[in-house]
Amino acid sequence: LLLGLYLMYKLCPKFYVNLLIRGYFMLFGVVSIANIFDIIVKVHCEPKPWHDKEVIRFRIPFYKQLDAIFGLTEPPADGSEPTPSEDDDIASITAIELIGYVLGAAVGCAYLGTNHWITNNIFGVAFSLQAIRSLSLNSYINGTLLLSGLFLYDIFWVFGTDVMVTVARSFDAPIKLLFPRWVQDSETGKWQSSMLGLGDIVMPGIFIALVLRFDVYSRIVLKRRGGVPNETEPFLSRYPHFTGVMIGYLIGLLTTITIMYSFNAAQPALLYLVPACVGGSALNAARLGEFGDLWKYEEGQESETKSSTTSSTDAVPNGNKKDQ
């Protein structure tokens, strides 16, 4: 994909490539902002009757053809073949979702009209949150292997070729966060900006989310550090694994910025973020005496533990339950 974009910018007019890509990302950004807004309202606001009220219902065109190709209909829990329904192609939008789409469209229009770095960053943050929410690594080992591979990938494409830097500078779409440096380019007169690719947020982000879920798992299922936390417990002691890996990420990010400004050259952020996140989480887990649990952690263990406990309890005869 990266090499394909590089060739597109080398062989095609940059204006038309960016126009096509910006339109695509604007539509994707509107949906992302609407989804994030819906989550924020449901989590932090008192529920109202009108929140989930359907305000728009419509049929999705060519749904049956798309379903045959992409398998849009979810199969039943028992694994049998899904049964087609007349309502499968009907979609609805609630009042909260509609407000989110309106806000997203307003940001999208401002982005297309002004190309301002703030609107770019709003879309970038929405993309990142949506990706972190949707993606899962399943296990700590998978996360470590993935970040290790991306560590080498980033070094090669930044230091070994000009592909990464060329695409990042030419790609006029919200796939990066922009931070104005208030310095004008001597040749073009444009204001220069520092960039942070969304991959440098999303990939460590899904790893950090995994560590946070392990934090909850270790307290609730493994009964570590006193078992289920209470609301009065300080955040640092309630989620120490998450706190440690976040501190590692911030240290890696500050290191990236410091070296970038010191040498005035593009830097592969994952070169500093991966050792900080993986190393920070491992050292912190070792300090807490839970590295073995973290290394063996796989998502879904909580439900498996509960089901195995339930089945073992059910397997005990009634007469023996009293004895226990």
C-alpha atoms as a PDB file:
ATOM      1  CA  LEU A   1       0.000   0.000   0.000  1.00  0.00           C
ATOM      2  CA  LEU A   2       2.770   2.423   0.958  1.00  0.00           C
ATOM      3  CA  LEU A   3       4.714   1.658  -2.223  1.00  0.00           C
ATOM      4  CA  GLY A   4       1.526   1.937  -4.292  1.00  0.00           C
ATOM      5  CA  LEU A   5       0.816   5.422  -2.939  1.00  0.00           C
ATOM      6  CA  TYR A   6       4.419   6.397  -3.617  1.00  0.00           C
ATOM      7  CA  LEU A   7       4.076   5.327  -7.278  1.00  0.00           C
ATOM      8  CA  MET A   8       0.742   7.134  -7.606  1.00  0.00           C
ATOM      9  CA  TYR A   9       2.328  10.409  -6.507  1.00  0.00           C
ATOM     10  CA  LYS A  10       5.259   9.870  -8.851  1.00  0.00           C
ATOM     11  CA  LEU A  11       3.178   8.931 -11.921  1.00  0.00           C
ATOM     12  CA  CYS A  12      -0.124  10.829 -11.515  1.00  0.00           C
ATOM     13  CA  PRO A  13      -0.966  14.512 -10.985  1.00  0.00           C
ATOM     14  CA  LYS A  14      -0.747  15.147  -7.265  1.00  0.00           C
ATOM     15  CA  PHE A  15      -3.844  17.391  -7.262  1.00  0.00           C
ATOM     16  CA  TYR A  16      -6.231  14.685  -8.524  1.00  0.00           C
ATOM     17  CA  VAL A  17      -4.748  11.992  -6.286  1.00  0.00           C
ATOM     18  CA  ASN A  18      -5.202  14.194  -3.223  1.00  0.00           C
ATOM     19  CA  LEU A  19      -8.715  15.215  -4.290  1.00  0.00           C
ATOM     20  CA  LEU A  20      -9.806  11.584  -4.526  1.00  0.00           C
ATOM     21  CA  ILE A  21      -8.151  10.610  -1.240  1.00  0.00           C
ATOM     22  CA  ARG A  22      -9.452  13.651   0.671  1.00  0.00           C
ATOM     23  CA  GLY A  23     -13.019  12.921  -0.447  1.00  0.00           C
ATOM     24  CA  TYR A  24     -12.754   9.321   0.706  1.00  0.00           C
ATOM     25  CA  PHE A  25     -11.261  10.222   4.071  1.00  0.00           C
ATOM     26  CA  MET A  26     -13.832  12.977   4.609  1.00  0.00           C
ATOM     27  CA  LEU A  27     -16.684  10.471   4.294  1.00  0.00           C
ATOM     28  CA  PHE A  28     -14.878   8.021   6.553  1.00  0.00           C
ATOM     29  CA  GLY A  29     -14.188  10.852   9.003  1.00  0.00           C
ATOM     30  CA  VAL A  30     -17.858  11.862   9.210  1.00  0.00           C
ATOM     31  CA  VAL A  31     -18.796   8.288  10.181  1.00  0.00           C
ATOM     32  CA  SER A  32     -15.949   8.088  12.723  1.00  0.00           C
ATOM     33  CA  ILE A  33     -16.928  11.360  14.404  1.00  0.00           C
ATOM     34  CA  ALA A  34     -20.580  10.234  14.569  1.00  0.00           C
ATOM     35  CA  ASN A  35     -19.587   6.917  16.196  1.00  0.00           C
ATOM     36  CA  ILE A  36     -17.262   8.559  18.730  1.00  0.00           C
ATOM     37  CA  PHE A  37     -19.899  11.185  19.568  1.00  0.00           C
ATOM     38  CA  ASP A  38     -22.494   8.434  20.110  1.00  0.00           C
ATOM     39  CA  ILE A  39     -20.146   6.620  22.540  1.00  0.00           C
ATOM     40  CA  ILE A  40     -19.255   9.791  24.469  1.00  0.00           C
ATOM     41  CA  VAL A  41     -22.922  10.736  24.948  1.00  0.00           C
ATOM     42  CA  LYS A  42     -23.952   7.229  26.060  1.00  0.00           C
ATOM     43  CA  VAL A  43     -21.042   6.880  28.503  1.00  0.00           C
ATOM     44  CA  HIS A  44     -20.901  10.348  30.040  1.00  0.00           C
ATOM     45  CA  CYS A  45     -24.444  11.719  29.755  1.00  0.00           C
ATOM     46  CA  GLU A  46     -27.615  10.742  31.530  1.00  0.00           C
ATOM     47  CA  PRO A  47     -29.723   8.623  29.130  1.00  0.00           C
ATOM     48  CA  LYS A  48     -32.732  10.362  27.616  1.00  0.00           C
ATOM     49  CA  PRO A  49     -35.706   8.713  25.877  1.00  0.00           C
ATOM     50  CA  TRP A  50     -34.962  10.511  22.612  1.00  0.00           C
ATOM     51  CA  HIS A  51     -31.325   9.383  22.416  1.00  0.00           C
ATOM     52  CA  ASP A  52     -32.088   6.045  20.738  1.00  0.00           C
ATOM     53  CA  LYS A  53     -35.218   7.143  18.931  1.00  0.00           C
ATOM     54  CA  GLU A  54     -35.096   6.281  15.231  1.00  0.00           C
ATOM     55  CA  VAL A  55     -35.382   9.395  13.101  1.00  0.00           C
ATOM     56  CA  ILE A  56     -34.402   7.973   9.704  1.00  0.00           C
ATOM     57  CA  ARG A  57     -35.030   4.533   8.188  1.00  0.00           C
ATOM     58  CA  PHE A  58     -33.878   3.563   4.713  1.00  0.00           C
ATOM     59  CA  ARG A  59     -33.044   0.579   2.574  1.00  0.00           C
ATOM     60  CA  ILE A  60     -29.427  -0.089   1.623  1.00  0.00           C
ATOM     61  CA  PRO A  61     -29.163  -0.325  -2.179  1.00  0.00           C
ATOM     62  CA  PHE A  62     -27.653  -3.521  -3.633  1.00  0.00           C
ATOM     63  CA  TYR A  63     -27.521  -5.031  -0.128  1.00  0.00           C
ATOM     64  CA  LYS A  64     -28.192  -8.615  -1.301  1.00  0.00           C
ATOM     65  CA  GLN A  65     -25.432  -8.411  -3.913  1.00  0.00           C
ATOM     66  CA  LEU A  66     -23.001  -6.939  -1.381  1.00  0.00           C
ATOM     67  CA  ASP A  67     -24.017  -9.560   1.190  1.00  0.00           C
ATOM     68  CA  ALA A  68     -23.264 -12.344  -1.294  1.00  0.00           C
ATOM     69  CA  ILE A  69     -19.768 -10.924  -1.867  1.00  0.00           C
ATOM     70  CA  PHE A  70     -18.745  -9.670   1.581  1.00  0.00           C
ATOM     71  CA  GLY A  71     -21.005 -11.677   3.925  1.00  0.00           C
ATOM     72  CA  LEU A  72     -22.603  -8.707   5.669  1.00  0.00           C
ATOM     73  CA  THR A  73     -25.260 -10.782   7.497  1.00  0.00           C
ATOM     74  CA  GLU A  74     -23.919 -12.096  10.805  1.00  0.00           C
ATOM     75  CA  PRO A  75     -24.278 -15.884  11.186  1.00  0.00           C
ATOM     76  CA  PRO A  76     -26.353 -17.222  14.118  1.00  0.00           C
ATOM     77  CA  ALA A  77     -24.578 -18.073  17.371  1.00  0.00           C
ATOM     78  CA  ASP A  78     -25.057 -21.824  16.764  1.00  0.00           C
ATOM     79  CA  GLY A  79     -22.971 -21.620  13.581  1.00  0.00           C
ATOM     80  CA  SER A  80     -25.835 -22.436  11.181  1.00  0.00           C
ATOM     81  CA  GLU A  81     -26.365 -20.653   7.888  1.00  0.00           C
ATOM     82  CA  PRO A  82     -27.998 -17.200   8.230  1.00  0.00           C
ATOM     83  CA  THR A  83     -31.614 -17.041   7.099  1.00  0.00           C
ATOM     84  CA  PRO A  84     -32.361 -14.106   4.769  1.00  0.00           C
ATOM     85  CA  SER A  85     -34.935 -11.628   6.046  1.00  0.00           C
ATOM     86  CA  GLU A  86     -36.902  -8.868   4.371  1.00  0.00           C
ATOM     87  CA  ASP A  87     -35.510  -6.387   6.916  1.00  0.00           C
ATOM     88  CA  ASP A  88     -31.835  -7.270   6.385  1.00  0.00           C
ATOM     89  CA  ASP A  89     -31.311  -4.335   4.049  1.00  0.00           C
ATOM     90  CA  ILE A  90     -33.026  -1.779   6.318  1.00  0.00           C
ATOM     91  CA  ALA A  91     -30.769   0.630   8.240  1.00  0.00           C
ATOM     92  CA  SER A  92     -31.785   3.262  10.760  1.00  0.00           C
ATOM     93  CA  ILE A  93     -30.221   6.356  12.291  1.00  0.00           C
ATOM     94  CA  THR A  94     -31.008   7.447  15.844  1.00  0.00           C
ATOM     95  CA  ALA A  95     -31.264  11.035  17.054  1.00  0.00           C
ATOM     96  CA  ILE A  96     -27.819  10.928  18.705  1.00  0.00           C
ATOM     97  CA  GLU A  97     -26.250   9.408  15.587  1.00  0.00           C
ATOM     98  CA  LEU A  98     -27.883  12.097  13.433  1.00  0.00           C
ATOM     99  CA  ILE A  99     -26.377  14.848  15.612  1.00  0.00           C
ATOM    100  CA  GLY A 100     -23.004  13.124  15.290  1.00  0.00           C
ATOM    101  CA  TYR A 101     -23.309  12.972  11.500  1.00  0.00           C
ATOM    102  CA  VAL A 102     -24.203  16.673  11.370  1.00  0.00           C
ATOM    103  CA  LEU A 103     -21.165  17.546  13.490  1.00  0.00           C
ATOM    104  CA  GLY A 104     -18.976  15.315  11.334  1.00  0.00           C
ATOM    105  CA  ALA A 105     -20.304  16.898   8.147  1.00  0.00           C
ATOM    106  CA  ALA A 106     -19.606  20.382   9.546  1.00  0.00           C
ATOM    107  CA  VAL A 107     -16.007  19.403  10.321  1.00  0.00           C
ATOM    108  CA  GLY A 108     -15.731  17.793   6.866  1.00  0.00           C
ATOM    109  CA  CYS A 109     -16.925  20.939   5.073  1.00  0.00           C
ATOM    110  CA  ALA A 110     -14.521  23.067   7.099  1.00  0.00           C
ATOM    111  CA  TYR A 111     -11.710  20.636   6.274  1.00  0.00           C
ATOM    112  CA  LEU A 112     -12.410  20.669   2.535  1.00  0.00           C
ATOM    113  CA  GLY A 113     -12.877  24.432   2.484  1.00  0.00           C
ATOM    114  CA  THR A 114      -9.910  25.527   4.591  1.00  0.00           C
ATOM    115  CA  ASN A 115      -7.639  22.476   4.935  1.00  0.00           C
ATOM    116  CA  HIS A 116      -6.888  23.822   8.425  1.00  0.00           C
ATOM    117  CA  TRP A 117      -4.648  21.755  10.658  1.00  0.00           C
ATOM    118  CA  ILE A 118      -7.247  21.740  13.471  1.00  0.00           C
ATOM    119  CA  THR A 119      -9.927  20.098  11.294  1.00  0.00           C
ATOM    120  CA  ASN A 120      -7.277  17.687  10.017  1.00  0.00           C
ATOM    121  CA  ASN A 121      -6.426  16.732  13.591  1.00  0.00           C
ATOM    122  CA  ILE A 122     -10.081  16.304  14.590  1.00  0.00           C
ATOM    123  CA  PHE A 123     -10.479  13.736  11.827  1.00  0.00           C
ATOM    124  CA  GLY A 124      -7.142  12.149  12.739  1.00  0.00           C
ATOM    125  CA  VAL A 125      -8.109  11.722  16.397  1.00  0.00           C
ATOM    126  CA  ALA A 126     -11.518  10.294  15.388  1.00  0.00           C
ATOM    127  CA  PHE A 127      -9.827   7.787  13.043  1.00  0.00           C
ATOM    128  CA  SER A 128      -7.392   6.756  15.768  1.00  0.00           C
ATOM    129  CA  LEU A 129     -10.066   6.253  18.435  1.00  0.00           C
ATOM    130  CA  GLN A 130     -12.274   4.304  16.043  1.00  0.00           C
ATOM    131  CA  ALA A 131      -9.364   2.057  15.009  1.00  0.00           C
ATOM    132  CA  ILE A 132      -8.226   1.398  18.598  1.00  0.00           C
ATOM    133  CA  ARG A 133     -11.826   0.602  19.538  1.00  0.00           C
ATOM    134  CA  SER A 134     -12.289  -1.788  16.602  1.00  0.00           C
ATOM    135  CA  LEU A 135      -8.960  -3.661  16.515  1.00  0.00           C
ATOM    136  CA  SER A 136      -7.718  -6.280  18.952  1.00  0.00           C
ATOM    137  CA  LEU A 137      -4.387  -8.096  19.266  1.00  0.00           C
ATOM    138  CA  ASN A 138      -5.887 -11.060  21.184  1.00  0.00           C
ATOM    139  CA  SER A 139      -2.714 -11.736  23.173  1.00  0.00           C
ATOM    140  CA  TYR A 140       0.325  -9.972  24.605  1.00  0.00           C
ATOM    141  CA  ILE A 141       2.646 -12.148  22.520  1.00  0.00           C
ATOM    142  CA  ASN A 142       0.837 -11.119  19.314  1.00  0.00           C
ATOM    143  CA  GLY A 143       1.182  -7.480  20.298  1.00  0.00           C
ATOM    144  CA  THR A 144       4.893  -7.853  20.997  1.00  0.00           C
ATOM    145  CA  LEU A 145       5.526  -9.603  17.668  1.00  0.00           C
ATOM    146  CA  LEU A 146       3.450  -7.066  15.710  1.00  0.00           C
ATOM    147  CA  LEU A 147       5.206  -4.059  17.213  1.00  0.00           C
ATOM    148  CA  SER A 148       8.606  -5.704  16.720  1.00  0.00           C
ATOM    149  CA  GLY A 149       7.838  -6.178  13.033  1.00  0.00           C
ATOM    150  CA  LEU A 150       6.615  -2.598  12.670  1.00  0.00           C
ATOM    151  CA  PHE A 151       9.760  -1.442  14.472  1.00  0.00           C
ATOM    152  CA  LEU A 152      11.894  -2.852  11.617  1.00  0.00           C
ATOM    153  CA  TYR A 153       9.369  -1.758   8.969  1.00  0.00           C
ATOM    154  CA  ASP A 154       9.446   1.875  10.088  1.00  0.00           C
ATOM    155  CA  ILE A 155      13.250   2.003  10.247  1.00  0.00           C
ATOM    156  CA  PHE A 156      13.605   0.597   6.728  1.00  0.00           C
ATOM    157  CA  TRP A 157      11.063   2.877   5.022  1.00  0.00           C
ATOM    158  CA  VAL A 158      12.316   6.055   6.734  1.00  0.00           C
ATOM    159  CA  PHE A 159      16.088   5.547   6.826  1.00  0.00           C
ATOM    160  CA  GLY A 160      16.476   3.110   3.916  1.00  0.00           C
ATOM    161  CA  THR A 161      14.332   4.891   1.301  1.00  0.00           C
ATOM    162  CA  ASP A 162      12.539   8.181   0.711  1.00  0.00           C
ATOM    163  CA  VAL A 163       9.159   6.427   0.304  1.00  0.00           C
ATOM    164  CA  MET A 164       7.725   7.090   3.776  1.00  0.00           C
ATOM    165  CA  VAL A 165       8.763  10.745   3.910  1.00  0.00           C
ATOM    166  CA  THR A 166       7.589  11.421   0.322  1.00  0.00           C
ATOM    167  CA  VAL A 167       4.156   9.899   0.925  1.00  0.00           C
ATOM    168  CA  ALA A 168       3.744  11.642   4.300  1.00  0.00           C
ATOM    169  CA  ARG A 169       4.561  15.062   2.831  1.00  0.00           C
ATOM    170  CA  SER A 170       2.558  14.588  -0.374  1.00  0.00           C
ATOM    171  CA  PHE A 171      -0.467  12.852   1.153  1.00  0.00           C
ATOM    172  CA  ASP A 172      -2.940  15.692   1.678  1.00  0.00           C
ATOM    173  CA  ALA A 173      -5.368  13.742   3.876  1.00  0.00           C
ATOM    174  CA  PRO A 174      -5.954  13.370   7.629  1.00  0.00           C
ATOM    175  CA  ILE A 175      -3.699  10.325   8.055  1.00  0.00           C
ATOM    176  CA  LYS A 176      -1.370  12.329  10.281  1.00  0.00           C
ATOM    177  CA  LEU A 177      -1.595  14.877  13.078  1.00  0.00           C
ATOM    178  CA  LEU A 178      -0.109  18.273  12.267  1.00  0.00           C
ATOM    179  CA  PHE A 179       1.617  20.571  14.761  1.00  0.00           C
ATOM    180  CA  PRO A 180       2.535  24.044  13.449  1.00  0.00           C
ATOM    181  CA  ARG A 181       6.161  25.041  13.987  1.00  0.00           C
ATOM    182  CA  TRP A 182       5.520  28.710  13.093  1.00  0.00           C
ATOM    183  CA  VAL A 183       8.470  28.602  10.700  1.00  0.00           C
ATOM    184  CA  GLN A 184       8.045  29.479   7.020  1.00  0.00           C
ATOM    185  CA  ASP A 185       9.629  27.459   4.233  1.00  0.00           C
ATOM    186  CA  SER A 186      12.282  29.578   2.537  1.00  0.00           C
ATOM    187  CA  GLU A 187      11.302  28.302  -0.938  1.00  0.00           C
ATOM    188  CA  THR A 188       7.497  28.108  -0.877  1.00  0.00           C
ATOM    189  CA  GLY A 189       6.715  30.554   1.918  1.00  0.00           C
ATOM    190  CA  LYS A 190       4.313  28.049   3.510  1.00  0.00           C
ATOM    191  CA  TRP A 191       4.214  27.475   7.257  1.00  0.00           C
ATOM    192  CA  GLN A 192       6.001  24.307   8.252  1.00  0.00           C
ATOM    193  CA  SER A 193       4.442  21.656  10.473  1.00  0.00           C
ATOM    194  CA  SER A 194       5.674  18.658  12.389  1.00  0.00           C
ATOM    195  CA  MET A 195       3.810  15.443  11.623  1.00  0.00           C
ATOM    196  CA  LEU A 196       2.845  12.377  13.631  1.00  0.00           C
ATOM    197  CA  GLY A 197       1.449   9.533  11.534  1.00  0.00           C
ATOM    198  CA  LEU A 198      -1.734   7.875  12.746  1.00  0.00           C
ATOM    199  CA  GLY A 199       0.065   4.542  12.611  1.00  0.00           C
ATOM    200  CA  ASP A 200       2.318   5.817  15.394  1.00  0.00           C
ATOM    201  CA  ILE A 201      -0.829   6.364  17.474  1.00  0.00           C
ATOM    202  CA  VAL A 202      -3.019   3.417  16.471  1.00  0.00           C
ATOM    203  CA  MET A 203      -0.498   0.556  16.595  1.00  0.00           C
ATOM    204  CA  PRO A 204       0.893   1.403  20.046  1.00  0.00           C
ATOM    205  CA  GLY A 205      -2.673   2.371  21.018  1.00  0.00           C
ATOM    206  CA  ILE A 206      -4.148  -1.094  20.469  1.00  0.00           C
ATOM    207  CA  PHE A 207      -1.204  -2.530  22.436  1.00  0.00           C
ATOM    208  CA  ILE A 208      -1.874  -0.108  25.305  1.00  0.00           C
ATOM    209  CA  ALA A 209      -5.595  -1.012  25.198  1.00  0.00           C
ATOM    210  CA  LEU A 210      -4.618  -4.681  25.495  1.00  0.00           C
ATOM    211  CA  VAL A 211      -2.500  -3.910  28.574  1.00  0.00           C
ATOM    212  CA  LEU A 212      -5.418  -2.005  30.117  1.00  0.00           C
ATOM    213  CA  ARG A 213      -7.702  -5.003  29.607  1.00  0.00           C
ATOM    214  CA  PHE A 214      -5.062  -7.195  31.259  1.00  0.00           C
ATOM    215  CA  ASP A 215      -5.053  -4.757  34.175  1.00  0.00           C
ATOM    216  CA  VAL A 216      -8.782  -5.323  34.648  1.00  0.00           C
ATOM    217  CA  TYR A 217      -8.387  -9.092  34.114  1.00  0.00           C
ATOM    218  CA  SER A 218      -5.618  -9.387  36.708  1.00  0.00           C
ATOM    219  CA  ARG A 219      -7.707  -7.612  39.345  1.00  0.00           C
ATOM    220  CA  ILE A 220     -11.106  -9.182  38.721  1.00  0.00           C
ATOM    221  CA  VAL A 221     -10.206 -12.719  37.570  1.00  0.00           C
ATOM    222  CA  LEU A 222      -6.744 -13.383  38.997  1.00  0.00           C
ATOM    223  CA  LYS A 223      -7.537 -11.412  42.194  1.00  0.00           C
ATOM    224  CA  ARG A 224      -4.182  -9.612  42.091  1.00  0.00           C
ATOM    225  CA  ARG A 225      -3.481  -6.505  44.173  1.00  0.00           C
ATOM    226  CA  GLY A 226      -6.528  -6.909  46.408  1.00  0.00           C
ATOM    227  CA  GLY A 227      -9.073  -8.055  43.840  1.00  0.00           C
ATOM    228  CA  VAL A 228     -11.859  -5.879  42.454  1.00  0.00           C
ATOM    229  CA  PRO A 229     -10.861  -2.191  42.749  1.00  0.00           C
ATOM    230  CA  ASN A 230     -13.105   0.396  44.353  1.00  0.00           C
ATOM    231  CA  GLU A 231     -13.827   3.878  43.065  1.00  0.00           C
ATOM    232  CA  THR A 232     -11.911   5.590  45.868  1.00  0.00           C
ATOM    233  CA  GLU A 233      -8.670   3.824  44.971  1.00  0.00           C
ATOM    234  CA  PRO A 234      -6.151   6.117  43.214  1.00  0.00           C
ATOM    235  CA  PHE A 235      -5.931   5.606  39.468  1.00  0.00           C
ATOM    236  CA  LEU A 236      -2.192   4.849  39.522  1.00  0.00           C
ATOM    237  CA  SER A 237      -2.649   1.915  41.879  1.00  0.00           C
ATOM    238  CA  ARG A 238      -5.920   0.788  40.276  1.00  0.00           C
ATOM    239  CA  TYR A 239      -4.396   0.336  36.799  1.00  0.00           C
ATOM    240  CA  PRO A 240      -0.581   0.203  37.270  1.00  0.00           C
ATOM    241  CA  HIS A 241       0.090  -1.749  34.047  1.00  0.00           C
ATOM    242  CA  PHE A 242      -1.800   0.802  31.960  1.00  0.00           C
ATOM    243  CA  THR A 243      -0.124   3.692  33.769  1.00  0.00           C
ATOM    244  CA  GLY A 244       3.329   2.183  33.180  1.00  0.00           C
ATOM    245  CA  VAL A 245       2.853   1.593  29.447  1.00  0.00           C
ATOM    246  CA  MET A 246       1.352   5.082  28.974  1.00  0.00           C
ATOM    247  CA  ILE A 247       4.377   6.631  30.699  1.00  0.00           C
ATOM    248  CA  GLY A 248       6.570   4.567  28.375  1.00  0.00           C
ATOM    249  CA  TYR A 249       4.648   5.826  25.320  1.00  0.00           C
ATOM    250  CA  LEU A 250       5.015   9.458  26.420  1.00  0.00           C
ATOM    251  CA  ILE A 251       8.754   8.979  27.011  1.00  0.00           C
ATOM    252  CA  GLY A 252       9.120   7.439  23.548  1.00  0.00           C
ATOM    253  CA  LEU A 253       7.149  10.280  21.966  1.00  0.00           C
ATOM    254  CA  LEU A 254       9.214  12.960  23.727  1.00  0.00           C
ATOM    255  CA  THR A 255      12.390  11.169  22.639  1.00  0.00           C
ATOM    256  CA  THR A 256      11.179  11.168  19.030  1.00  0.00           C
ATOM    257  CA  ILE A 257      10.409  14.897  19.118  1.00  0.00           C
ATOM    258  CA  THR A 258      13.715  15.754  20.805  1.00  0.00           C
ATOM    259  CA  ILE A 259      15.812  13.825  18.269  1.00  0.00           C
ATOM    260  CA  MET A 260      13.765  15.150  15.346  1.00  0.00           C
ATOM    261  CA  TYR A 261      14.363  18.777  16.368  1.00  0.00           C
ATOM    262  CA  SER A 262      17.991  18.137  17.295  1.00  0.00           C
ATOM    263  CA  PHE A 263      18.901  16.629  13.905  1.00  0.00           C
ATOM    264  CA  ASN A 264      16.222  18.504  11.901  1.00  0.00           C
ATOM    265  CA  ALA A 265      15.335  15.285  10.075  1.00  0.00           C
ATOM    266  CA  ALA A 266      12.369  12.928   9.864  1.00  0.00           C
ATOM    267  CA  GLN A 267      12.449  10.135  12.420  1.00  0.00           C
ATOM    268  CA  PRO A 268      10.731   6.718  12.489  1.00  0.00           C
ATOM    269  CA  ALA A 269       8.633   7.224  15.612  1.00  0.00           C
ATOM    270  CA  LEU A 270       8.209   3.475  16.178  1.00  0.00           C
ATOM    271  CA  LEU A 271      11.979   3.225  16.598  1.00  0.00           C
ATOM    272  CA  TYR A 272      11.479   4.908  19.974  1.00  0.00           C
ATOM    273  CA  LEU A 273       7.847   4.044  20.758  1.00  0.00           C
ATOM    274  CA  VAL A 274       8.118   0.257  20.425  1.00  0.00           C
ATOM    275  CA  PRO A 275      10.981  -0.250  22.929  1.00  0.00           C
ATOM    276  CA  ALA A 276       9.329   2.244  25.288  1.00  0.00           C
ATOM    277  CA  CYS A 277       5.914   0.517  25.189  1.00  0.00           C
ATOM    278  CA  VAL A 278       6.987  -3.121  25.089  1.00  0.00           C
ATOM    279  CA  GLY A 279       9.953  -2.635  27.402  1.00  0.00           C
ATOM    280  CA  GLY A 280       7.980  -0.411  29.745  1.00  0.00           C
ATOM    281  CA  SER A 281       5.086  -2.854  30.048  1.00  0.00           C
ATOM    282  CA  ALA A 282       7.439  -5.827  30.595  1.00  0.00           C
ATOM    283  CA  LEU A 283       9.586  -4.096  33.233  1.00  0.00           C
ATOM    284  CA  ASN A 284       6.532  -2.764  35.041  1.00  0.00           C
ATOM    285  CA  ALA A 285       4.917  -6.220  35.054  1.00  0.00           C
ATOM    286  CA  ALA A 286       8.140  -7.724  36.398  1.00  0.00           C
ATOM    287  CA  ARG A 287       8.187  -5.082  39.134  1.00  0.00           C
ATOM    288  CA  LEU A 288       4.640  -6.062  40.101  1.00  0.00           C
ATOM    289  CA  GLY A 289       5.478  -9.767  39.939  1.00  0.00           C
ATOM    290  CA  GLU A 290       2.971 -10.370  37.134  1.00  0.00           C
ATOM    291  CA  PHE A 291       5.155 -10.696  34.026  1.00  0.00           C
ATOM    292  CA  GLY A 292       4.328 -14.397  33.649  1.00  0.00           C
ATOM    293  CA  ASP A 293       0.600 -13.640  33.742  1.00  0.00           C
ATOM    294  CA  LEU A 294       1.019 -10.805  31.240  1.00  0.00           C
ATOM    295  CA  TRP A 295       3.105 -12.908  28.857  1.00  0.00           C
ATOM    296  CA  LYS A 296       0.509 -15.722  28.861  1.00  0.00           C
ATOM    297  CA  TYR A 297      -2.470 -13.360  28.684  1.00  0.00           C
ATOM    298  CA  GLU A 298      -4.991 -13.951  25.884  1.00  0.00           C
ATOM    299  CA  GLU A 299      -8.217 -12.029  25.444  1.00  0.00           C
ATOM    300  CA  GLY A 300     -11.315 -14.051  26.212  1.00  0.00           C
ATOM    301  CA  GLN A 301      -9.730 -15.771  29.198  1.00  0.00           C
ATOM    302  CA  GLU A 302     -12.158 -14.016  31.538  1.00  0.00           C
ATOM    303  CA  SER A 303     -15.235 -15.549  29.900  1.00  0.00           C
ATOM    304  CA  GLU A 304     -13.495 -18.922  29.599  1.00  0.00           C
ATOM    305  CA  THR A 305     -12.583 -18.833  33.291  1.00  0.00           C
ATOM    306  CA  LYS A 306     -16.178 -18.012  34.264  1.00  0.00           C
ATOM    307  CA  SER A 307     -17.638 -20.751  32.050  1.00  0.00           C
ATOM    308  CA  SER A 308     -15.183 -23.382  33.290  1.00  0.00           C
ATOM    309  CA  THR A 309     -15.945 -22.405  36.887  1.00  0.00           C
ATOM    310  CA  THR A 310     -19.673 -22.678  36.233  1.00  0.00           C
ATOM    311  CA  SER A 311     -19.379 -26.043  34.469  1.00  0.00           C
ATOM    312  CA  SER A 312     -17.180 -27.499  37.208  1.00  0.00           C
ATOM    313  CA  THR A 313     -19.684 -26.349  39.831  1.00  0.00           C
ATOM    314  CA  ASP A 314     -22.568 -27.873  37.891  1.00  0.00           C
ATOM    315  CA  ALA A 315     -20.674 -31.142  37.573  1.00  0.00           C
ATOM    316  CA  VAL A 316     -20.494 -31.559  41.375  1.00  0.00           C
ATOM    317  CA  PRO A 317     -23.415 -33.699  42.651  1.00  0.00           C
ATOM    318  CA  ASN A 318     -25.848 -31.972  45.003  1.00  0.00           C
ATOM    319  CA  GLY A 319     -24.833 -34.185  47.875  1.00  0.00           C
ATOM    320  CA  ASN A 320     -21.172 -33.250  47.514  1.00  0.00           C
ATOM    321  CA  LYS A 321     -21.804 -29.501  47.286  1.00  0.00           C
ATOM    322  CA  LYS A 322     -22.743 -29.472  50.959  1.00  0.00           C
ATOM    323  CA  ASP A 323     -19.540 -31.222  51.913  1.00  0.00           C
ATOM    324  CA  GLN A 324     -17.555 -28.594  50.056  1.00  0.00           C
END
